[in-house]
Amino acid sequence: MAEESRLARIANVRPWGGAAVDLEIDGDRIGAIVPHDPAAPPSQGRTLDGRGLLALPSIVNAHAHVDKSWLGMPWQPYGGDGGTDGRIRHERARRAELGIPSVERTAAVLDAHVRHGTTLLRTHVDVDLELGTRGIEVVREAVAAYDGAIEATIVAFPQDGVLRRPGVLALLDAAAAAGAEHVGGLDPASIDRDPVGQLDGIFAIAERHGVGIDIHLHDAAELGAFQLELIVERTQALGLEGRVNIAHGFAIAQLPDARRRDLLQAMGELGITFTTVAPLRLPQLPLHELDAAGVGFAFGTDGIRDLWSPYGTGDTLGIAWQYARASSLVRDEDLHRVIEIATRGAGRFAGREQHDLVVGARADVVLVEAEHAMDALVRVPPRLAVVGGGRLLHG
């Protein structure tokens, strides 16, 4: 990246809606936070004038698929069957002709995320018998073009199933051995029709290589709950506390109250988390019940403009809005909680324990014109400036 993008100060901003301050930047970190003084001498380097805007930690996309998009290409109509398996087949039939995955397309997706305030993400990347692990190499190259200004952790993701495609388990093992931070799974019961076998294979890889687990679970109600129980059992037996995430996990919101409470309690004790894309057609993850059980969750965009769906702009704040609206959240404390989940609460989903506007944290900042965090959530205003690792990326 161009050296002129590096900042020494972000002046006159209101972190979380508080008093106006200057964020002094030291390399890629926040070196100091001082009250804003219009008469202060200029900094030695470049200053970004925040004009009294609201400052938030950058928005974390904890469930992306940056390798799969046709963003930037002519419109691609969806021509496949419905359901998860139909979309898998449609994608497999057409991705080669569109050159997916490619560094160019992945770069376009990353740019869309950055323009919407995301500098930290967890992305699933397809690993299968046709592609091998090439998609991971593509994503790493596209992220590297930002020269450290954005960060991404990778889930080696078996989009076409695991056991039903002999050889995929070995590819997942190779991806984990080569540095993928997480290994994924997909609907062990409905896709592989062998939930015990798929989960045993994935958990063995995670234990062997010391990586995390992130399992797509679309299966509903009791079928989904049964698989959640299997995941809980293996997490506890193998000592993988704090390293397992469930993507989607629609089932948890479809269970009777007592059944859901017991499952959430078990998950909370083991540090098992959720990520959600807040689908409108389904019940949302129950905010207060998850918080009470100590079950963390985060938001993500899913894939955008891909062979599964033409929807998506790369705006994870918009997903947080969608979640809050669909959950009928209106109280200030709940709206503030949602914006926290979308920002400082989600850093750990992408390998960062501290992601906030505090001294010592990475200088990942988004500026918007809003009164406070709740106002930013309900209006989803444009991101007027986005800073990643102390560098101005947008604005």
Protein backbone atom coordinates (compact mmCIF):
# COMPACT_ATOMS: atom_id res chain seq x y z
CA MET A 1 0.00 0.00 0.00
CA ALA A 2 1.04 3.57 -0.59
CA GLU A 3 3.02 5.05 2.31
CA GLU A 4 0.98 8.26 2.16
CA SER A 5 -2.00 6.33 3.53
CA ARG A 6 -0.25 6.03 6.90
CA LEU A 7 -1.68 8.30 9.60
CA ALA A 8 -0.09 9.93 12.63
CA ARG A 9 -3.31 11.27 14.13
CA ILE A 10 -7.09 10.96 13.81
CA ALA A 11 -8.28 14.30 15.16
CA ASN A 12 -11.62 15.42 16.57
CA VAL A 13 -13.57 12.17 16.81
CA ARG A 14 -16.05 10.91 19.41
CA PRO A 15 -15.28 7.30 20.38
CA TRP A 16 -18.56 5.52 21.12
CA GLY A 17 -20.29 8.92 21.13
CA GLY A 18 -18.24 10.41 23.97
CA ALA A 19 -16.26 13.63 24.17
CA ALA A 20 -14.14 14.75 21.21
CA VAL A 21 -10.59 13.38 21.30
CA ASP A 22 -7.55 12.88 19.09
CA LEU A 23 -6.30 9.36 18.49
CA GLU A 24 -2.52 9.48 18.23
CA ILE A 25 -1.27 6.67 15.99
CA ASP A 26 1.98 4.84 16.66
CA GLY A 27 2.65 2.52 13.73
CA ASP A 28 -0.39 0.27 13.51
CA ARG A 29 -1.50 0.97 17.11
CA ILE A 30 -3.36 3.63 19.05
CA GLY A 31 -0.48 5.21 20.96
CA ALA A 32 -2.45 7.80 22.95
CA ILE A 33 -5.91 9.28 23.30
CA VAL A 34 -6.00 12.97 24.23
CA PRO A 35 -8.80 15.55 24.47
CA HIS A 36 -9.22 17.37 21.20
CA ASP A 37 -7.66 20.82 21.20
CA PRO A 38 -8.22 22.88 18.04
CA ALA A 39 -5.17 24.94 18.96
CA ALA A 40 -2.86 21.92 19.29
CA PRO A 41 0.26 21.99 17.07
CA PRO A 42 0.11 19.83 13.94
CA SER A 43 1.39 16.28 14.12
CA GLN A 44 4.65 15.24 12.49
CA GLY A 45 2.80 13.08 9.99
CA ARG A 46 -0.55 12.98 8.23
CA THR A 47 -3.66 13.93 10.23
CA LEU A 48 -7.16 12.78 9.38
CA ASP A 49 -9.68 15.45 10.38
CA GLY A 50 -12.55 13.55 12.00
CA ARG A 51 -14.83 16.63 12.02
CA GLY A 52 -16.53 15.53 15.24
CA LEU A 53 -17.75 12.27 13.71
CA LEU A 54 -18.66 9.17 15.71
CA ALA A 55 -15.72 6.75 15.93
CA LEU A 56 -16.17 3.00 16.39
CA PRO A 57 -13.78 0.07 16.23
CA SER A 58 -13.90 -1.36 12.73
CA ILE A 59 -16.78 -3.71 12.01
CA VAL A 60 -15.85 -7.39 12.19
CA ASN A 61 -17.15 -9.77 9.54
CA ALA A 62 -17.05 -13.11 11.34
CA HIS A 63 -18.65 -15.18 8.57
CA ALA A 64 -17.57 -14.34 5.04
CA HIS A 65 -16.91 -16.31 1.83
CA VAL A 66 -14.53 -13.98 0.03
CA ASP A 67 -13.39 -16.63 -2.49
CA LYS A 68 -16.77 -17.32 -4.14
CA SER A 69 -18.07 -14.08 -5.66
CA TRP A 70 -18.72 -12.82 -9.18
CA LEU A 71 -18.71 -9.23 -7.87
CA GLY A 72 -17.45 -6.86 -10.58
CA MET A 73 -18.56 -9.14 -13.41
CA PRO A 74 -21.73 -8.88 -15.52
CA TRP A 75 -24.93 -10.07 -13.84
CA GLN A 76 -25.13 -13.84 -13.33
CA PRO A 77 -28.70 -15.17 -13.04
CA TYR A 78 -29.30 -18.00 -10.60
CA GLY A 79 -30.26 -21.13 -12.48
CA GLY A 80 -29.92 -23.88 -9.93
CA ASP A 81 -32.32 -25.87 -7.78
CA GLY A 82 -33.36 -24.72 -4.32
CA GLY A 83 -31.93 -25.91 -1.03
CA THR A 84 -28.35 -26.30 0.13
CA ASP A 85 -27.49 -29.24 -2.12
CA GLY A 86 -29.05 -27.58 -5.18
CA ARG A 87 -26.96 -24.48 -4.64
CA ILE A 88 -23.82 -26.57 -4.18
CA ARG A 89 -24.45 -28.28 -7.53
CA HIS A 90 -25.15 -24.98 -9.29
CA GLU A 91 -21.93 -23.46 -7.97
CA ARG A 92 -19.85 -26.49 -8.95
CA ALA A 93 -21.30 -26.43 -12.49
CA ARG A 94 -20.50 -22.77 -13.16
CA ARG A 95 -17.57 -21.57 -11.07
CA ALA A 96 -14.82 -22.67 -13.50
CA GLU A 97 -16.30 -20.71 -16.43
CA LEU A 98 -16.34 -17.59 -14.22
CA GLY A 99 -12.78 -18.08 -13.04
CA ILE A 100 -13.76 -18.63 -9.40
CA PRO A 101 -11.74 -18.46 -7.24
CA SER A 102 -9.45 -15.68 -8.44
CA VAL A 103 -7.34 -13.01 -6.80
CA GLU A 104 -9.15 -10.32 -8.80
CA ARG A 105 -12.63 -11.35 -7.66
CA THR A 106 -11.50 -11.88 -4.08
CA ALA A 107 -9.88 -8.43 -4.08
CA ALA A 108 -13.19 -6.92 -5.22
CA VAL A 109 -15.00 -8.60 -2.32
CA LEU A 110 -12.40 -7.44 0.19
CA ASP A 111 -12.69 -3.90 -1.17
CA ALA A 112 -16.47 -4.01 -0.66
CA HIS A 113 -16.00 -5.14 2.94
CA VAL A 114 -13.39 -2.44 3.61
CA ARG A 115 -15.57 0.33 2.15
CA HIS A 116 -18.27 -0.75 4.59
CA GLY A 117 -15.96 -0.51 7.58
CA THR A 118 -14.52 -4.01 7.92
CA THR A 119 -10.79 -4.49 8.44
CA LEU A 120 -10.96 -7.77 10.37
CA LEU A 121 -12.70 -10.90 9.19
CA ARG A 122 -13.02 -14.65 9.36
CA THR A 123 -13.62 -16.15 5.96
CA HIS A 124 -14.55 -19.64 4.90
CA VAL A 125 -12.65 -20.81 1.82
CA ASP A 126 -13.74 -23.78 -0.27
CA VAL A 127 -11.55 -26.87 -0.12
CA ASP A 128 -12.64 -29.74 -2.36
CA LEU A 129 -11.41 -32.40 -4.77
CA GLU A 130 -11.50 -30.09 -7.79
CA LEU A 131 -9.82 -27.03 -6.23
CA GLY A 132 -7.65 -28.67 -3.62
CA THR A 133 -6.45 -25.85 -1.36
CA ARG A 134 -5.93 -23.33 -4.18
CA GLY A 135 -8.68 -21.08 -2.84
CA ILE A 136 -6.74 -20.52 0.37
CA GLU A 137 -3.71 -19.42 -1.61
CA VAL A 138 -5.91 -17.00 -3.60
CA VAL A 139 -7.38 -15.45 -0.47
CA ARG A 140 -4.02 -15.08 1.25
CA GLU A 141 -2.60 -13.32 -1.83
CA ALA A 142 -5.54 -10.90 -1.99
CA VAL A 143 -5.29 -10.09 1.73
CA ALA A 144 -1.50 -9.65 1.48
CA ALA A 145 -2.02 -6.84 -1.07
CA TYR A 146 -3.20 -4.70 1.86
CA ASP A 147 0.26 -5.04 3.43
CA GLY A 148 -1.11 -5.74 6.90
CA ALA A 149 -3.80 -3.04 6.89
CA ILE A 150 -6.52 -5.70 7.08
CA GLU A 151 -6.39 -9.12 8.73
CA ALA A 152 -8.24 -12.33 7.93
CA THR A 153 -8.36 -15.75 9.52
CA ILE A 154 -9.26 -18.69 7.30
CA VAL A 155 -11.63 -21.62 7.71
CA ALA A 156 -10.81 -24.51 5.38
CA PHE A 157 -14.38 -25.22 4.31
CA PRO A 158 -15.73 -28.45 2.73
CA GLN A 159 -18.59 -26.86 0.79
CA ASP A 160 -19.37 -30.09 -1.07
CA GLY A 161 -19.37 -32.31 2.01
CA VAL A 162 -16.69 -34.35 3.73
CA LEU A 163 -17.32 -38.07 3.89
CA ARG A 164 -19.45 -38.20 0.74
CA ARG A 165 -16.39 -36.97 -1.17
CA PRO A 166 -13.54 -39.35 -0.24
CA GLY A 167 -10.29 -37.43 -0.07
CA VAL A 168 -11.74 -34.19 1.33
CA LEU A 169 -10.84 -35.08 4.90
CA ALA A 170 -7.21 -35.42 3.83
CA LEU A 171 -7.38 -32.01 2.12
CA LEU A 172 -8.76 -30.43 5.29
CA ASP A 173 -5.93 -32.01 7.24
CA ALA A 174 -3.39 -30.63 4.76
CA ALA A 175 -4.94 -27.16 4.95
CA ALA A 176 -4.74 -27.17 8.74
CA ALA A 177 -1.15 -28.38 8.61
CA ALA A 178 -0.34 -25.55 6.17
CA GLY A 179 -1.69 -22.81 8.44
CA ALA A 180 -5.45 -22.50 8.06
CA GLU A 181 -6.61 -21.27 11.45
CA HIS A 182 -9.84 -23.30 11.47
CA VAL A 183 -11.25 -26.41 9.85
CA GLY A 184 -14.88 -26.41 8.77
CA GLY A 185 -17.77 -28.81 8.43
CA LEU A 186 -21.14 -28.81 6.73
CA ASP A 187 -24.46 -30.26 7.91
CA PRO A 188 -23.02 -33.58 9.08
CA ALA A 189 -26.44 -35.24 9.11
CA SER A 190 -28.17 -33.92 5.99
CA ILE A 191 -25.17 -33.57 3.67
CA ASP A 192 -22.89 -36.46 4.67
CA ARG A 193 -25.68 -38.48 6.34
CA ASP A 194 -23.11 -39.53 8.91
CA PRO A 195 -22.92 -36.91 11.65
CA VAL A 196 -20.73 -39.01 13.93
CA GLY A 197 -18.27 -39.79 11.15
CA GLN A 198 -17.95 -36.22 9.87
CA LEU A 199 -17.60 -34.71 13.32
CA ASP A 200 -15.08 -37.32 14.48
CA GLY A 201 -12.95 -36.60 11.42
CA ILE A 202 -13.07 -32.82 11.81
CA PHE A 203 -12.44 -32.86 15.55
CA ALA A 204 -9.48 -35.21 15.07
CA ILE A 205 -7.89 -32.72 12.65
CA ALA A 206 -8.45 -29.84 15.05
CA GLU A 207 -6.94 -31.77 17.95
CA ARG A 208 -3.97 -32.90 15.87
CA HIS A 209 -3.05 -29.44 14.53
CA GLY A 210 -4.26 -27.19 17.32
CA VAL A 211 -6.71 -25.29 15.09
CA GLY A 212 -10.27 -24.13 15.63
CA ILE A 213 -13.49 -25.63 14.29
CA ASP A 214 -16.25 -23.73 12.46
CA ILE A 215 -19.19 -25.86 11.33
CA HIS A 216 -21.99 -24.72 9.02
CA LEU A 217 -25.18 -26.11 10.55
CA HIS A 218 -28.35 -25.37 8.59
CA ASP A 219 -30.31 -28.38 9.85
CA ALA A 220 -33.40 -27.32 11.73
CA ALA A 221 -35.01 -28.04 15.09
CA GLU A 222 -34.34 -31.47 16.61
CA LEU A 223 -32.03 -32.66 13.83
CA GLY A 224 -29.88 -29.60 14.37
CA ALA A 225 -30.09 -29.95 18.16
CA PHE A 226 -28.91 -33.57 17.93
CA GLN A 227 -25.80 -32.42 16.07
CA LEU A 228 -25.22 -29.61 18.57
CA GLU A 229 -25.21 -32.25 21.30
CA LEU A 230 -22.63 -34.29 19.37
CA ILE A 231 -20.49 -31.16 19.03
CA VAL A 232 -20.77 -30.41 22.75
CA GLU A 233 -19.74 -33.98 23.62
CA ARG A 234 -16.64 -33.87 21.41
CA THR A 235 -15.62 -30.39 22.51
CA GLN A 236 -15.64 -31.53 26.13
CA ALA A 237 -14.03 -34.92 25.52
CA LEU A 238 -11.11 -33.48 23.53
CA GLY A 239 -10.56 -30.38 25.63
CA LEU A 240 -11.34 -27.98 22.76
CA GLU A 241 -13.03 -25.38 24.92
CA GLY A 242 -13.14 -21.94 23.30
CA ARG A 243 -12.19 -23.27 19.86
CA VAL A 244 -15.53 -24.33 18.35
CA ASN A 245 -18.02 -22.17 16.46
CA ILE A 246 -21.37 -22.95 14.90
CA ALA A 247 -22.21 -20.97 11.77
CA HIS A 248 -25.93 -20.30 11.33
CA GLY A 249 -27.21 -22.78 13.94
CA PHE A 250 -30.85 -22.04 13.14
CA ALA A 251 -31.97 -24.97 15.27
CA ILE A 252 -31.22 -23.31 18.60
CA ALA A 253 -34.01 -20.77 18.06
CA GLN A 254 -36.51 -23.45 17.04
CA LEU A 255 -36.42 -25.57 20.19
CA PRO A 256 -38.72 -25.62 23.22
CA ASP A 257 -37.55 -23.22 25.92
CA ALA A 258 -36.19 -25.80 28.36
CA ARG A 259 -34.38 -27.74 25.65
CA ARG A 260 -32.78 -24.55 24.31
CA ARG A 261 -31.78 -23.43 27.82
CA ASP A 262 -30.00 -26.70 28.55
CA LEU A 263 -28.12 -26.70 25.25
CA LEU A 264 -27.06 -23.07 25.63
CA GLN A 265 -25.84 -23.72 29.17
CA ALA A 266 -23.67 -26.60 27.95
CA MET A 267 -22.33 -24.52 25.07
CA GLY A 268 -21.57 -21.58 27.32
CA GLU A 269 -19.60 -23.73 29.74
CA LEU A 270 -17.42 -24.94 26.85
CA GLY A 271 -17.02 -21.59 25.07
CA ILE A 272 -18.85 -22.78 21.95
CA THR A 273 -19.99 -19.77 19.93
CA PHE A 274 -22.31 -18.87 17.04
CA THR A 275 -22.01 -16.71 13.97
CA THR A 276 -25.12 -15.51 12.20
CA VAL A 277 -26.05 -13.77 8.97
CA ALA A 278 -29.49 -12.89 10.45
CA PRO A 279 -31.64 -14.62 7.80
CA LEU A 280 -35.05 -12.96 7.62
CA ARG A 281 -37.00 -16.14 6.93
CA LEU A 282 -35.96 -17.79 10.21
CA PRO A 283 -36.08 -17.03 13.94
CA GLN A 284 -33.06 -15.06 15.14
CA LEU A 285 -30.55 -16.15 17.76
CA PRO A 286 -32.09 -15.12 21.11
CA LEU A 287 -29.86 -12.29 22.35
CA HIS A 288 -30.79 -12.30 26.02
CA GLU A 289 -30.70 -16.09 26.34
CA LEU A 290 -27.27 -16.32 24.72
CA ASP A 291 -25.93 -13.56 26.95
CA ALA A 292 -27.38 -15.21 30.06
CA ALA A 293 -25.72 -18.52 29.15
CA GLY A 294 -22.40 -16.88 28.26
CA VAL A 295 -22.61 -17.96 24.62
CA GLY A 296 -20.84 -15.46 22.38
CA PHE A 297 -21.93 -14.71 18.85
CA ALA A 298 -20.95 -12.46 15.99
CA PHE A 299 -22.29 -11.28 12.64
CA GLY A 300 -21.21 -11.95 9.09
CA THR A 301 -22.33 -11.25 5.55
CA ASP A 302 -22.09 -14.82 4.23
CA GLY A 303 -21.18 -14.84 0.54
CA ILE A 304 -22.03 -11.76 -1.52
CA ARG A 305 -22.97 -11.72 -5.20
CA ASP A 306 -22.10 -15.36 -5.72
CA LEU A 307 -23.49 -18.47 -7.35
CA TRP A 308 -25.68 -19.09 -4.30
CA SER A 309 -27.39 -15.70 -4.29
CA PRO A 310 -27.10 -12.31 -6.03
CA TYR A 311 -27.66 -10.45 -2.76
CA GLY A 312 -25.11 -8.80 -0.50
CA THR A 313 -23.07 -5.61 -0.45
CA GLY A 314 -20.36 -6.49 2.07
CA ASP A 315 -21.97 -4.45 4.86
CA THR A 316 -21.80 -6.32 8.17
CA LEU A 317 -23.29 -3.32 9.98
CA GLY A 318 -26.31 -3.84 7.75
CA ILE A 319 -26.50 -7.45 8.95
CA ALA A 320 -26.42 -6.22 12.56
CA TRP A 321 -29.30 -3.84 11.69
CA GLN A 322 -31.20 -6.72 10.12
CA TYR A 323 -30.69 -8.85 13.23
CA ALA A 324 -31.85 -6.09 15.58
CA ARG A 325 -34.90 -5.27 13.46
CA ALA A 326 -35.91 -8.91 12.99
CA SER A 327 -35.45 -9.50 16.73
CA SER A 328 -37.69 -6.50 17.54
CA LEU A 329 -34.94 -4.89 19.63
CA VAL A 330 -35.79 -1.29 20.51
CA ARG A 331 -34.29 -0.52 23.94
CA ASP A 332 -31.06 1.46 24.02
CA GLU A 333 -29.19 -1.19 26.00
CA ASP A 334 -30.09 -3.86 23.43
CA LEU A 335 -29.20 -1.68 20.44
CA HIS A 336 -25.89 -0.81 22.07
CA ARG A 337 -25.27 -4.49 22.77
CA VAL A 338 -25.79 -5.33 19.10
CA ILE A 339 -23.30 -2.70 17.91
CA GLU A 340 -20.80 -4.01 20.47
CA ILE A 341 -21.27 -7.52 19.09
CA ALA A 342 -20.59 -6.20 15.58
CA THR A 343 -17.37 -4.44 16.63
CA ARG A 344 -15.33 -4.87 19.81
CA GLY A 345 -17.10 -8.04 20.88
CA ALA A 346 -16.21 -9.90 17.69
CA GLY A 347 -12.45 -9.42 17.53
CA ARG A 348 -11.83 -12.81 19.11
CA PHE A 349 -13.65 -14.49 16.21
CA ALA A 350 -10.77 -13.39 14.00
CA GLY A 351 -7.94 -14.00 16.43
CA ARG A 352 -7.86 -10.64 18.19
CA GLU A 353 -8.48 -10.41 21.92
CA GLN A 354 -8.54 -6.59 22.03
CA HIS A 355 -10.47 -4.75 19.34
CA ASP A 356 -11.53 -1.38 20.68
CA LEU A 357 -10.65 2.31 20.71
CA VAL A 358 -8.17 2.07 23.58
CA VAL A 359 -4.46 2.71 23.94
CA GLY A 360 -2.46 -0.24 22.69
CA ALA A 361 -5.17 -1.63 20.43
CA ARG A 362 -4.71 -1.81 16.68
CA ALA A 363 -5.75 1.41 15.00
CA ASP A 364 -8.75 -0.07 13.18
CA VAL A 365 -11.34 2.71 13.16
CA VAL A 366 -14.51 3.54 11.27
CA LEU A 367 -16.03 7.05 11.21
CA VAL A 368 -19.72 7.73 10.62
CA GLU A 369 -22.02 10.70 10.99
CA ALA A 370 -24.20 9.62 13.90
CA GLU A 371 -25.14 10.84 17.36
CA HIS A 372 -24.02 7.65 19.08
CA ALA A 373 -23.66 3.91 18.54
CA MET A 374 -27.41 3.20 18.68
CA ASP A 375 -28.05 5.87 16.06
CA ALA A 376 -25.38 4.33 13.84
CA LEU A 377 -27.02 0.91 14.13
CA VAL A 378 -30.56 1.94 13.28
CA ARG A 379 -29.59 4.28 10.39
CA VAL A 380 -26.61 2.36 8.96
CA PRO A 381 -25.00 5.58 7.70
CA PRO A 382 -22.23 5.59 5.07
CA ARG A 383 -18.75 4.84 6.32
CA LEU A 384 -17.05 8.20 5.80
CA ALA A 385 -13.57 6.98 6.71
CA VAL A 386 -12.09 3.54 7.37
CA VAL A 387 -8.68 3.10 8.97
CA GLY A 388 -6.90 -0.25 9.19
CA GLY A 389 -3.68 -0.66 11.11
CA GLY A 390 -3.17 3.10 11.13
CA ARG A 391 -3.67 3.45 7.37
CA LEU A 392 -6.49 5.29 5.65
CA LEU A 393 -8.22 2.72 3.46
CA HIS A 394 -11.39 4.59 2.55
CA GLY A 395 -12.52 8.20 2.83
